[in-house]
Amino acid sequence: MSTYDFPQDLRDAQLALHRTRAAYEQYARTLPWSAEPMPGWEADKQLHSSYRSAKPDSPGYTPEQHEQVQKYRAGLLELSATVTTHPYWATLSEDVVKARMALKHAHEAQPDGETG
């Protein structure tokens, strides 16, 4: 496996992207199932099963929830652009996809106690 000398600002941006995505996903699990108010529903029983999918009424997101989702999405877009357009990628003569995958896991290889 190749090792890469990623610049610290690129490593920091990737870690921030990872943490922001995790925070957004955690926040999204607390939201109603629909961003807009929607009536609940119950589907027909599945063949050869007693399972019947259903959703309760959704009150929709509050204005604060809409705002928080927008902040997360804007942050994710900015961090994604920072990582994908970093000048480091132009310096590679080998497979950039492999390097990009290595960057996604670079924080896992750091010694205990380091977070960046």
PDB file of N, CA and C in Angstrom:
ATOM      1  N   MET A   1       0.841  -1.186   0.000  1.00  0.00           N
ATOM      2  CA  MET A   1       0.000   0.000   0.000  1.00  0.00           C
ATOM      3  C   MET A   1       0.885   1.247   0.000  1.00  0.00           C
ATOM      4  N   SER A   2       0.535   2.196  -0.820  1.00  0.00           N
ATOM      5  CA  SER A   2       1.301   3.436  -0.914  1.00  0.00           C
ATOM      6  C   SER A   2       1.032   4.312   0.293  1.00  0.00           C
ATOM      7  N   THR A   3       2.049   5.081   0.652  1.00  0.00           N
ATOM      8  CA  THR A   3       1.862   6.093   1.688  1.00  0.00           C
ATOM      9  C   THR A   3       1.989   7.448   1.012  1.00  0.00           C
ATOM     10  N   TYR A   4       1.271   8.404   1.555  1.00  0.00           N
ATOM     11  CA  TYR A   4       1.224   9.732   0.953  1.00  0.00           C
ATOM     12  C   TYR A   4       1.603  10.762   1.996  1.00  0.00           C
ATOM     13  N   ASP A   5       2.245  11.803   1.545  1.00  0.00           N
ATOM     14  CA  ASP A   5       2.636  12.907   2.415  1.00  0.00           C
ATOM     15  C   ASP A   5       1.610  14.029   2.252  1.00  0.00           C
ATOM     16  N   PHE A   6       0.423  13.803   2.828  1.00  0.00           N
ATOM     17  CA  PHE A   6      -0.645  14.791   2.692  1.00  0.00           C
ATOM     18  C   PHE A   6      -0.297  16.051   3.472  1.00  0.00           C
ATOM     19  N   PRO A   7      -0.518  17.226   2.892  1.00  0.00           N
ATOM     20  CA  PRO A   7      -0.294  18.472   3.633  1.00  0.00           C
ATOM     21  C   PRO A   7      -1.265  18.539   4.814  1.00  0.00           C
ATOM     22  N   GLN A   8      -0.836  19.186   5.879  1.00  0.00           N
ATOM     23  CA  GLN A   8      -1.652  19.231   7.086  1.00  0.00           C
ATOM     24  C   GLN A   8      -2.994  19.925   6.856  1.00  0.00           C
ATOM     25  N   ASP A   9      -3.023  20.973   6.026  1.00  0.00           N
ATOM     26  CA  ASP A   9      -4.303  21.647   5.794  1.00  0.00           C
ATOM     27  C   ASP A   9      -5.296  20.736   5.074  1.00  0.00           C
ATOM     28  N   LEU A  10      -4.800  19.856   4.210  1.00  0.00           N
ATOM     29  CA  LEU A  10      -5.669  18.897   3.535  1.00  0.00           C
ATOM     30  C   LEU A  10      -6.167  17.842   4.521  1.00  0.00           C
ATOM     31  N   ARG A  11      -5.275  17.353   5.372  1.00  0.00           N
ATOM     32  CA  ARG A  11      -5.679  16.388   6.408  1.00  0.00           C
ATOM     33  C   ARG A  11      -6.723  17.007   7.338  1.00  0.00           C
ATOM     34  N   ASP A  12      -6.497  18.262   7.720  1.00  0.00           N
ATOM     35  CA  ASP A  12      -7.441  18.955   8.610  1.00  0.00           C
ATOM     36  C   ASP A  12      -8.808  19.127   7.951  1.00  0.00           C
ATOM     37  N   ALA A  13      -8.809  19.480   6.672  1.00  0.00           N
ATOM     38  CA  ALA A  13     -10.074  19.662   5.953  1.00  0.00           C
ATOM     39  C   ALA A  13     -10.825  18.334   5.831  1.00  0.00           C
ATOM     40  N   GLN A  14     -10.097  17.260   5.557  1.00  0.00           N
ATOM     41  CA  GLN A  14     -10.738  15.942   5.450  1.00  0.00           C
ATOM     42  C   GLN A  14     -11.326  15.526   6.794  1.00  0.00           C
ATOM     43  N   LEU A  15     -10.593  15.743   7.875  1.00  0.00           N
ATOM     44  CA  LEU A  15     -11.099  15.387   9.203  1.00  0.00           C
ATOM     45  C   LEU A  15     -12.317  16.242   9.560  1.00  0.00           C
ATOM     46  N   ALA A  16     -12.277  17.522   9.235  1.00  0.00           N
ATOM     47  CA  ALA A  16     -13.430  18.401   9.485  1.00  0.00           C
ATOM     48  C   ALA A  16     -14.633  17.940   8.665  1.00  0.00           C
ATOM     49  N   LEU A  17     -14.398  17.514   7.438  1.00  0.00           N
ATOM     50  CA  LEU A  17     -15.480  16.995   6.595  1.00  0.00           C
ATOM     51  C   LEU A  17     -16.091  15.743   7.226  1.00  0.00           C
ATOM     52  N   HIS A  18     -15.248  14.851   7.682  1.00  0.00           N
ATOM     53  CA  HIS A  18     -15.715  13.621   8.321  1.00  0.00           C
ATOM     54  C   HIS A  18     -16.539  13.937   9.573  1.00  0.00           C
ATOM     55  N   ARG A  19     -16.042  14.814  10.397  1.00  0.00           N
ATOM     56  CA  ARG A  19     -16.739  15.164  11.648  1.00  0.00           C
ATOM     57  C   ARG A  19     -18.046  15.912  11.369  1.00  0.00           C
ATOM     58  N   THR A  20     -18.038  16.800  10.385  1.00  0.00           N
ATOM     59  CA  THR A  20     -19.253  17.543  10.046  1.00  0.00           C
ATOM     60  C   THR A  20     -20.311  16.605   9.495  1.00  0.00           C
ATOM     61  N   ARG A  21     -19.904  15.677   8.651  1.00  0.00           N
ATOM     62  CA  ARG A  21     -20.859  14.716   8.102  1.00  0.00           C
ATOM     63  C   ARG A  21     -21.454  13.860   9.217  1.00  0.00           C
ATOM     64  N   ALA A  22     -20.624  13.418  10.152  1.00  0.00           N
ATOM     65  CA  ALA A  22     -21.121  12.609  11.268  1.00  0.00           C
ATOM     66  C   ALA A  22     -22.093  13.404  12.137  1.00  0.00           C
ATOM     67  N   ALA A  23     -21.771  14.671  12.397  1.00  0.00           N
ATOM     68  CA  ALA A  23     -22.661  15.519  13.202  1.00  0.00           C
ATOM     69  C   ALA A  23     -23.981  15.749  12.481  1.00  0.00           C
ATOM     70  N   TYR A  24     -23.922  15.979  11.171  1.00  0.00           N
ATOM     71  CA  TYR A  24     -25.133  16.188  10.387  1.00  0.00           C
ATOM     72  C   TYR A  24     -26.005  14.932  10.397  1.00  0.00           C
ATOM     73  N   GLU A  25     -25.404  13.774  10.204  1.00  0.00           N
ATOM     74  CA  GLU A  25     -26.169  12.530  10.197  1.00  0.00           C
ATOM     75  C   GLU A  25     -26.812  12.276  11.554  1.00  0.00           C
ATOM     76  N   GLN A  26     -26.085  12.572  12.621  1.00  0.00           N
ATOM     77  CA  GLN A  26     -26.642  12.413  13.966  1.00  0.00           C
ATOM     78  C   GLN A  26     -27.818  13.377  14.163  1.00  0.00           C
ATOM     79  N   TYR A  27     -27.661  14.623  13.728  1.00  0.00           N
ATOM     80  CA  TYR A  27     -28.729  15.605  13.851  1.00  0.00           C
ATOM     81  C   TYR A  27     -29.946  15.190  13.011  1.00  0.00           C
ATOM     82  N   ALA A  28     -29.701  14.710  11.806  1.00  0.00           N
ATOM     83  CA  ALA A  28     -30.790  14.325  10.901  1.00  0.00           C
ATOM     84  C   ALA A  28     -31.640  13.202  11.487  1.00  0.00           C
ATOM     85  N   ARG A  29     -31.037  12.328  12.296  1.00  0.00           N
ATOM     86  CA  ARG A  29     -31.807  11.248  12.920  1.00  0.00           C
ATOM     87  C   ARG A  29     -32.823  11.772  13.936  1.00  0.00           C
ATOM     88  N   THR A  30     -32.659  13.012  14.395  1.00  0.00           N
ATOM     89  CA  THR A  30     -33.589  13.582  15.375  1.00  0.00           C
ATOM     90  C   THR A  30     -34.750  14.313  14.706  1.00  0.00           C
ATOM     91  N   LEU A  31     -34.681  14.496  13.403  1.00  0.00           N
ATOM     92  CA  LEU A  31     -35.679  15.294  12.685  1.00  0.00           C
ATOM     93  C   LEU A  31     -36.899  14.461  12.310  1.00  0.00           C
ATOM     94  N   PRO A  32     -38.036  15.130  12.092  1.00  0.00           N
ATOM     95  CA  PRO A  32     -39.196  14.412  11.559  1.00  0.00           C
ATOM     96  C   PRO A  32     -38.856  13.790  10.210  1.00  0.00           C
ATOM     97  N   TRP A  33     -39.613  12.782   9.815  1.00  0.00           N
ATOM     98  CA  TRP A  33     -39.282  12.068   8.573  1.00  0.00           C
ATOM     99  C   TRP A  33     -39.493  12.913   7.329  1.00  0.00           C
ATOM    100  N   SER A  34     -40.273  13.984   7.418  1.00  0.00           N
ATOM    101  CA  SER A  34     -40.493  14.863   6.267  1.00  0.00           C
ATOM    102  C   SER A  34     -40.160  16.293   6.655  1.00  0.00           C
ATOM    103  N   ALA A  35     -39.494  17.007   5.760  1.00  0.00           N
ATOM    104  CA  ALA A  35     -39.154  18.405   6.025  1.00  0.00           C
ATOM    105  C   ALA A  35     -40.401  19.281   6.033  1.00  0.00           C
ATOM    106  N   GLU A  36     -41.399  18.900   5.268  1.00  0.00           N
ATOM    107  CA  GLU A  36     -42.665  19.640   5.206  1.00  0.00           C
ATOM    108  C   GLU A  36     -43.743  18.829   5.919  1.00  0.00           C
ATOM    109  N   PRO A  37     -44.757  19.481   6.475  1.00  0.00           N
ATOM    110  CA  PRO A  37     -45.840  18.719   7.115  1.00  0.00           C
ATOM    111  C   PRO A  37     -46.467  17.735   6.119  1.00  0.00           C
ATOM    112  N   MET A  38     -46.593  16.504   6.557  1.00  0.00           N
ATOM    113  CA  MET A  38     -47.148  15.454   5.700  1.00  0.00           C
ATOM    114  C   MET A  38     -48.005  14.523   6.550  1.00  0.00           C
ATOM    115  N   PRO A  39     -49.086  14.033   5.985  1.00  0.00           N
ATOM    116  CA  PRO A  39     -49.884  13.064   6.729  1.00  0.00           C
ATOM    117  C   PRO A  39     -49.150  11.727   6.798  1.00  0.00           C
ATOM    118  N   GLY A  40     -49.424  10.984   7.834  1.00  0.00           N
ATOM    119  CA  GLY A  40     -48.849   9.650   7.957  1.00  0.00           C
ATOM    120  C   GLY A  40     -49.500   8.698   6.977  1.00  0.00           C
ATOM    121  N   TRP A  41     -48.978   7.501   6.905  1.00  0.00           N
ATOM    122  CA  TRP A  41     -49.529   6.501   6.006  1.00  0.00           C
ATOM    123  C   TRP A  41     -49.212   5.110   6.517  1.00  0.00           C
ATOM    124  N   GLU A  42     -49.958   4.151   6.007  1.00  0.00           N
ATOM    125  CA  GLU A  42     -49.702   2.744   6.304  1.00  0.00           C
ATOM    126  C   GLU A  42     -49.853   1.973   5.008  1.00  0.00           C
ATOM    127  N   ALA A  43     -48.853   1.191   4.666  1.00  0.00           N
ATOM    128  CA  ALA A  43     -48.852   0.437   3.413  1.00  0.00           C
ATOM    129  C   ALA A  43     -49.609  -0.874   3.591  1.00  0.00           C
ATOM    130  N   ASP A  44     -49.904  -1.491   2.479  1.00  0.00           N
ATOM    131  CA  ASP A  44     -50.536  -2.805   2.508  1.00  0.00           C
ATOM    132  C   ASP A  44     -49.591  -3.819   3.131  1.00  0.00           C
ATOM    133  N   LYS A  45     -50.168  -4.858   3.693  1.00  0.00           N
ATOM    134  CA  LYS A  45     -49.374  -5.938   4.275  1.00  0.00           C
ATOM    135  C   LYS A  45     -48.526  -6.588   3.188  1.00  0.00           C
ATOM    136  N   GLN A  46     -47.285  -6.895   3.520  1.00  0.00           N
ATOM    137  CA  GLN A  46     -46.386  -7.546   2.574  1.00  0.00           C
ATOM    138  C   GLN A  46     -46.772  -9.014   2.389  1.00  0.00           C
ATOM    139  N   LEU A  47     -46.648  -9.493   1.188  1.00  0.00           N
ATOM    140  CA  LEU A  47     -46.967 -10.877   0.862  1.00  0.00           C
ATOM    141  C   LEU A  47     -46.105 -11.820   1.694  1.00  0.00           C
ATOM    142  N   HIS A  48     -46.698 -12.836   2.270  1.00  0.00           N
ATOM    143  CA  HIS A  48     -46.013 -13.854   3.070  1.00  0.00           C
ATOM    144  C   HIS A  48     -45.353 -13.275   4.317  1.00  0.00           C
ATOM    145  N   SER A  49     -45.883 -12.189   4.812  1.00  0.00           N
ATOM    146  CA  SER A  49     -45.308 -11.540   5.992  1.00  0.00           C
ATOM    147  C   SER A  49     -46.403 -10.773   6.703  1.00  0.00           C
ATOM    148  N   SER A  50     -46.192 -10.546   7.979  1.00  0.00           N
ATOM    149  CA  SER A  50     -47.149  -9.713   8.708  1.00  0.00           C
ATOM    150  C   SER A  50     -46.660  -8.263   8.768  1.00  0.00           C
ATOM    151  N   TYR A  51     -45.543  -7.980   8.094  1.00  0.00           N
ATOM    152  CA  TYR A  51     -44.965  -6.640   8.126  1.00  0.00           C
ATOM    153  C   TYR A  51     -45.816  -5.661   7.330  1.00  0.00           C
ATOM    154  N   ARG A  52     -46.055  -4.519   7.934  1.00  0.00           N
ATOM    155  CA  ARG A  52     -46.809  -3.449   7.270  1.00  0.00           C
ATOM    156  C   ARG A  52     -46.060  -2.158   7.574  1.00  0.00           C
ATOM    157  N   SER A  53     -45.426  -1.571   6.560  1.00  0.00           N
ATOM    158  CA  SER A  53     -44.677  -0.336   6.784  1.00  0.00           C
ATOM    159  C   SER A  53     -45.648   0.816   7.023  1.00  0.00           C
ATOM    160  N   ALA A  54     -45.204   1.748   7.864  1.00  0.00           N
ATOM    161  CA  ALA A  54     -46.064   2.880   8.202  1.00  0.00           C
ATOM    162  C   ALA A  54     -45.208   4.048   8.671  1.00  0.00           C
ATOM    163  N   LYS A  55     -45.751   5.231   8.546  1.00  0.00           N
ATOM    164  CA  LYS A  55     -45.128   6.457   9.064  1.00  0.00           C
ATOM    165  C   LYS A  55     -46.208   7.250   9.782  1.00  0.00           C
ATOM    166  N   PRO A  56     -45.868   7.840  10.932  1.00  0.00           N
ATOM    167  CA  PRO A  56     -46.827   8.696  11.609  1.00  0.00           C
ATOM    168  C   PRO A  56     -46.904  10.055  10.903  1.00  0.00           C
ATOM    169  N   ASP A  57     -47.852  10.873  11.272  1.00  0.00           N
ATOM    170  CA  ASP A  57     -47.912  12.233  10.732  1.00  0.00           C
ATOM    171  C   ASP A  57     -46.591  12.934  11.018  1.00  0.00           C
ATOM    172  N   SER A  58     -46.132  13.723  10.055  1.00  0.00           N
ATOM    173  CA  SER A  58     -44.913  14.509  10.243  1.00  0.00           C
ATOM    174  C   SER A  58     -45.295  15.979  10.378  1.00  0.00           C
ATOM    175  N   PRO A  59     -44.843  16.608  11.471  1.00  0.00           N
ATOM    176  CA  PRO A  59     -45.133  18.030  11.622  1.00  0.00           C
ATOM    177  C   PRO A  59     -44.275  18.906  10.706  1.00  0.00           C
ATOM    178  N   GLY A  60     -43.281  18.311  10.052  1.00  0.00           N
ATOM    179  CA  GLY A  60     -42.337  19.095   9.250  1.00  0.00           C
ATOM    180  C   GLY A  60     -41.267  19.688  10.156  1.00  0.00           C
ATOM    181  N   TYR A  61     -40.270  20.282   9.541  1.00  0.00           N
ATOM    182  CA  TYR A  61     -39.190  20.906  10.304  1.00  0.00           C
ATOM    183  C   TYR A  61     -39.639  22.268  10.815  1.00  0.00           C
ATOM    184  N   THR A  62     -39.102  22.633  11.951  1.00  0.00           N
ATOM    185  CA  THR A  62     -39.302  23.986  12.455  1.00  0.00           C
ATOM    186  C   THR A  62     -38.382  24.917  11.667  1.00  0.00           C
ATOM    187  N   PRO A  63     -38.601  26.221  11.716  1.00  0.00           N
ATOM    188  CA  PRO A  63     -37.666  27.138  11.039  1.00  0.00           C
ATOM    189  C   PRO A  63     -36.226  26.960  11.534  1.00  0.00           C
ATOM    190  N   GLU A  64     -36.065  26.691  12.816  1.00  0.00           N
ATOM    191  CA  GLU A  64     -34.719  26.484  13.371  1.00  0.00           C
ATOM    192  C   GLU A  64     -34.086  25.214  12.795  1.00  0.00           C
ATOM    193  N   GLN A  65     -34.879  24.167  12.633  1.00  0.00           N
ATOM    194  CA  GLN A  65     -34.361  22.922  12.065  1.00  0.00           C
ATOM    195  C   GLN A  65     -33.970  23.122  10.596  1.00  0.00           C
ATOM    196  N   HIS A  66     -34.813  23.828   9.830  1.00  0.00           N
ATOM    197  CA  HIS A  66     -34.455  24.140   8.442  1.00  0.00           C
ATOM    198  C   HIS A  66     -33.137  24.904   8.392  1.00  0.00           C
ATOM    199  N   GLU A  67     -32.976  25.863   9.275  1.00  0.00           N
ATOM    200  CA  GLU A  67     -31.751  26.678   9.304  1.00  0.00           C
ATOM    201  C   GLU A  67     -30.528  25.831   9.647  1.00  0.00           C
ATOM    202  N   GLN A  68     -30.681  24.939  10.631  1.00  0.00           N
ATOM    203  CA  GLN A  68     -29.550  24.091  11.032  1.00  0.00           C
ATOM    204  C   GLN A  68     -29.167  23.133   9.907  1.00  0.00           C
ATOM    205  N   VAL A  69     -30.146  22.554   9.240  1.00  0.00           N
ATOM    206  CA  VAL A  69     -29.862  21.663   8.110  1.00  0.00           C
ATOM    207  C   VAL A  69     -29.114  22.432   7.026  1.00  0.00           C
ATOM    208  N   GLN A  70     -29.547  23.649   6.740  1.00  0.00           N
ATOM    209  CA  GLN A  70     -28.886  24.468   5.720  1.00  0.00           C
ATOM    210  C   GLN A  70     -27.438  24.768   6.117  1.00  0.00           C
ATOM    211  N   LYS A  71     -27.205  25.037   7.398  1.00  0.00           N
ATOM    212  CA  LYS A  71     -25.829  25.294   7.860  1.00  0.00           C
ATOM    213  C   LYS A  71     -24.950  24.066   7.670  1.00  0.00           C
ATOM    214  N   TYR A  72     -25.478  22.907   8.036  1.00  0.00           N
ATOM    215  CA  TYR A  72     -24.703  21.672   7.843  1.00  0.00           C
ATOM    216  C   TYR A  72     -24.399  21.453   6.362  1.00  0.00           C
ATOM    217  N   ARG A  73     -25.405  21.595   5.516  1.00  0.00           N
ATOM    218  CA  ARG A  73     -25.201  21.357   4.084  1.00  0.00           C
ATOM    219  C   ARG A  73     -24.211  22.338   3.484  1.00  0.00           C
ATOM    220  N   ALA A  74     -24.279  23.600   3.886  1.00  0.00           N
ATOM    221  CA  ALA A  74     -23.327  24.600   3.385  1.00  0.00           C
ATOM    222  C   ALA A  74     -21.910  24.253   3.840  1.00  0.00           C
ATOM    223  N   GLY A  75     -21.771  23.843   5.089  1.00  0.00           N
ATOM    224  CA  GLY A  75     -20.458  23.446   5.601  1.00  0.00           C
ATOM    225  C   GLY A  75     -19.907  22.239   4.880  1.00  0.00           C
ATOM    226  N   LEU A  76     -20.770  21.256   4.629  1.00  0.00           N
ATOM    227  CA  LEU A  76     -20.333  20.061   3.899  1.00  0.00           C
ATOM    228  C   LEU A  76     -19.909  20.395   2.477  1.00  0.00           C
ATOM    229  N   LEU A  77     -20.654  21.274   1.831  1.00  0.00           N
ATOM    230  CA  LEU A  77     -20.303  21.678   0.466  1.00  0.00           C
ATOM    231  C   LEU A  77     -18.954  22.394   0.447  1.00  0.00           C
ATOM    232  N   GLU A  78     -18.752  23.316   1.373  1.00  0.00           N
ATOM    233  CA  GLU A  78     -17.498  24.060   1.428  1.00  0.00           C
ATOM    234  C   GLU A  78     -16.312  23.131   1.711  1.00  0.00           C
ATOM    235  N   LEU A  79     -16.460  22.251   2.694  1.00  0.00           N
ATOM    236  CA  LEU A  79     -15.367  21.337   3.033  1.00  0.00           C
ATOM    237  C   LEU A  79     -15.093  20.351   1.892  1.00  0.00           C
ATOM    238  N   SER A  80     -16.138  19.876   1.238  1.00  0.00           N
ATOM    239  CA  SER A  80     -15.955  18.965   0.100  1.00  0.00           C
ATOM    240  C   SER A  80     -15.181  19.647  -1.018  1.00  0.00           C
ATOM    241  N   ALA A  81     -15.526  20.890  -1.286  1.00  0.00           N
ATOM    242  CA  ALA A  81     -14.813  21.642  -2.327  1.00  0.00           C
ATOM    243  C   ALA A  81     -13.361  21.871  -1.932  1.00  0.00           C
ATOM    244  N   THR A  82     -13.125  22.177  -0.665  1.00  0.00           N
ATOM    245  CA  THR A  82     -11.754  22.391  -0.184  1.00  0.00           C
ATOM    246  C   THR A  82     -10.911  21.144  -0.388  1.00  0.00           C
ATOM    247  N   VAL A  83     -11.467  19.992  -0.041  1.00  0.00           N
ATOM    248  CA  VAL A  83     -10.719  18.741  -0.162  1.00  0.00           C
ATOM    249  C   VAL A  83     -10.510  18.358  -1.625  1.00  0.00           C
ATOM    250  N   THR A  84     -11.560  18.424  -2.419  1.00  0.00           N
ATOM    251  CA  THR A  84     -11.449  17.923  -3.795  1.00  0.00           C
ATOM    252  C   THR A  84     -10.682  18.841  -4.728  1.00  0.00           C
ATOM    253  N   THR A  85     -10.592  20.124  -4.400  1.00  0.00           N
ATOM    254  CA  THR A  85      -9.873  21.049  -5.284  1.00  0.00           C
ATOM    255  C   THR A  85      -8.507  21.456  -4.722  1.00  0.00           C
ATOM    256  N   HIS A  86      -8.062  20.772  -3.685  1.00  0.00           N
ATOM    257  CA  HIS A  86      -6.772  21.116  -3.082  1.00  0.00           C
ATOM    258  C   HIS A  86      -5.647  20.935  -4.114  1.00  0.00           C
ATOM    259  N   PRO A  87      -4.693  21.863  -4.153  1.00  0.00           N
ATOM    260  CA  PRO A  87      -3.588  21.779  -5.123  1.00  0.00           C
ATOM    261  C   PRO A  87      -2.741  20.503  -5.005  1.00  0.00           C
ATOM    262  N   TYR A  88      -2.786  19.855  -3.864  1.00  0.00           N
ATOM    263  CA  TYR A  88      -1.991  18.634  -3.669  1.00  0.00           C
ATOM    264  C   TYR A  88      -2.308  17.578  -4.731  1.00  0.00           C
ATOM    265  N   TRP A  89      -3.584  17.455  -5.104  1.00  0.00           N
ATOM    266  CA  TRP A  89      -3.971  16.400  -6.037  1.00  0.00           C
ATOM    267  C   TRP A  89      -3.264  16.548  -7.385  1.00  0.00           C
ATOM    268  N   ALA A  90      -2.959  17.751  -7.799  1.00  0.00           N
ATOM    269  CA  ALA A  90      -2.280  17.979  -9.079  1.00  0.00           C
ATOM    270  C   ALA A  90      -0.820  17.557  -9.033  1.00  0.00           C
ATOM    271  N   THR A  91      -0.275  17.357  -7.841  1.00  0.00           N
ATOM    272  CA  THR A  91       1.133  16.977  -7.722  1.00  0.00           C
ATOM    273  C   THR A  91       1.344  15.479  -7.847  1.00  0.00           C
ATOM    274  N   LEU A  92       0.284  14.710  -7.853  1.00  0.00           N
ATOM    275  CA  LEU A  92       0.420  13.251  -7.888  1.00  0.00           C
ATOM    276  C   LEU A  92       0.569  12.755  -9.314  1.00  0.00           C
ATOM    277  N   SER A  93       1.484  11.832  -9.490  1.00  0.00           N
ATOM    278  CA  SER A  93       1.661  11.219 -10.806  1.00  0.00           C
ATOM    279  C   SER A  93       1.038   9.827 -10.821  1.00  0.00           C
ATOM    280  N   GLU A  94       0.595   9.365  -9.657  1.00  0.00           N
ATOM    281  CA  GLU A  94      -0.003   8.030  -9.581  1.00  0.00           C
ATOM    282  C   GLU A  94      -1.512   8.140  -9.432  1.00  0.00           C
ATOM    283  N   ASP A  95      -2.144   7.048  -9.128  1.00  0.00           N
ATOM    284  CA  ASP A  95      -3.602   6.955  -9.043  1.00  0.00           C
ATOM    285  C   ASP A  95      -4.164   7.872  -7.960  1.00  0.00           C
ATOM    286  N   VAL A  96      -4.824   8.936  -8.376  1.00  0.00           N
ATOM    287  CA  VAL A  96      -5.390   9.915  -7.445  1.00  0.00           C
ATOM    288  C   VAL A  96      -6.530   9.302  -6.646  1.00  0.00           C
ATOM    289  N   VAL A  97      -7.264   8.378  -7.236  1.00  0.00           N
ATOM    290  CA  VAL A  97      -8.373   7.749  -6.520  1.00  0.00           C
ATOM    291  C   VAL A  97      -7.846   6.990  -5.303  1.00  0.00           C
ATOM    292  N   LYS A  98      -6.758   6.260  -5.458  1.00  0.00           N
ATOM    293  CA  LYS A  98      -6.164   5.532  -4.321  1.00  0.00           C
ATOM    294  C   LYS A  98      -5.689   6.515  -3.255  1.00  0.00           C
ATOM    295  N   ALA A  99      -5.103   7.614  -3.679  1.00  0.00           N
ATOM    296  CA  ALA A  99      -4.644   8.621  -2.726  1.00  0.00           C
ATOM    297  C   ALA A  99      -5.826   9.234  -1.987  1.00  0.00           C
ATOM    298  N   ARG A 100      -6.896   9.501  -2.712  1.00  0.00           N
ATOM    299  CA  ARG A 100      -8.089  10.083  -2.088  1.00  0.00           C
ATOM    300  C   ARG A 100      -8.671   9.120  -1.053  1.00  0.00           C
ATOM    301  N   MET A 101      -8.699   7.852  -1.370  1.00  0.00           N
ATOM    302  CA  MET A 101      -9.188   6.856  -0.412  1.00  0.00           C
ATOM    303  C   MET A 101      -8.265   6.777   0.805  1.00  0.00           C
ATOM    304  N   ALA A 102      -6.976   6.893   0.594  1.00  0.00           N
ATOM    305  CA  ALA A 102      -6.029   6.878   1.705  1.00  0.00           C
ATOM    306  C   ALA A 102      -6.238   8.089   2.606  1.00  0.00           C
ATOM    307  N   LEU A 103      -6.523   9.244   2.000  1.00  0.00           N
ATOM    308  CA  LEU A 103      -6.767  10.451   2.802  1.00  0.00           C
ATOM    309  C   LEU A 103      -7.976  10.267   3.703  1.00  0.00           C
ATOM    310  N   LYS A 104      -9.009   9.614   3.202  1.00  0.00           N
ATOM    311  CA  LYS A 104     -10.215   9.410   4.002  1.00  0.00           C
ATOM    312  C   LYS A 104      -9.932   8.630   5.275  1.00  0.00           C
ATOM    313  N   HIS A 105      -8.869   7.855   5.280  1.00  0.00           N
ATOM    314  CA  HIS A 105      -8.525   7.043   6.452  1.00  0.00           C
ATOM    315  C   HIS A 105      -7.235   7.493   7.132  1.00  0.00           C
ATOM    316  N   ALA A 106      -6.676   8.603   6.686  1.00  0.00           N
ATOM    317  CA  ALA A 106      -5.393   9.064   7.229  1.00  0.00           C
ATOM    318  C   ALA A 106      -5.474   9.348   8.725  1.00  0.00           C
ATOM    319  N   HIS A 107      -6.608   9.850   9.198  1.00  0.00           N
ATOM    320  CA  HIS A 107      -6.742  10.167  10.625  1.00  0.00           C
ATOM    321  C   HIS A 107      -6.720   8.911  11.486  1.00  0.00           C
ATOM    322  N   GLU A 108      -7.058   7.755  10.928  1.00  0.00           N
ATOM    323  CA  GLU A 108      -7.069   6.501  11.684  1.00  0.00           C
ATOM    324  C   GLU A 108      -5.649   6.010  11.971  1.00  0.00           C
ATOM    325  N   ALA A 109      -4.689   6.411  11.168  1.00  0.00           N
ATOM    326  CA  ALA A 109      -3.325   5.932  11.293  1.00  0.00           C
ATOM    327  C   ALA A 109      -2.471   6.766  12.236  1.00  0.00           C
ATOM    328  N   GLN A 110      -3.046   7.808  12.823  1.00  0.00           N
ATOM    329  CA  GLN A 110      -2.258   8.683  13.687  1.00  0.00           C
ATOM    330  C   GLN A 110      -2.054   8.033  15.055  1.00  0.00           C
ATOM    331  N   PRO A 111      -0.927   8.346  15.711  1.00  0.00           N
ATOM    332  CA  PRO A 111      -0.676   7.820  17.040  1.00  0.00           C
ATOM    333  C   PRO A 111      -1.765   8.231  18.021  1.00  0.00           C
ATOM    334  N   ASP A 112      -1.933   7.440  19.077  1.00  0.00           N
ATOM    335  CA  ASP A 112      -2.931   7.755  20.108  1.00  0.00           C
ATOM    336  C   ASP A 112      -2.693   9.142  20.671  1.00  0.00           C
ATOM    337  N   GLY A 113      -3.798   9.852  20.893  1.00  0.00           N
ATOM    338  CA  GLY A 113      -3.701  11.171  21.489  1.00  0.00           C
ATOM    339  C   GLY A 113      -3.706  12.300  20.488  1.00  0.00           C
ATOM    340  N   GLU A 114      -3.439  12.007  19.210  1.00  0.00           N
ATOM    341  CA  GLU A 114      -3.460  13.051  18.182  1.00  0.00           C
ATOM    342  C   GLU A 114      -4.804  13.004  17.481  1.00  0.00           C
ATOM    343  N   THR A 115      -5.364  14.172  17.185  1.00  0.00           N
ATOM    344  CA  THR A 115      -6.665  14.225  16.528  1.00  0.00           C
ATOM    345  C   THR A 115      -6.613  14.849  15.166  1.00  0.00           C
ATOM    346  N   GLY A 116      -5.541  15.459  14.767  1.00  0.00           N
ATOM    347  CA  GLY A 116      -5.512  16.176  13.498  1.00  0.00           C
ATOM    348  C   GLY A 116      -4.717  15.481  12.515  1.00  0.00           C
TER     349      GLY A 116
END
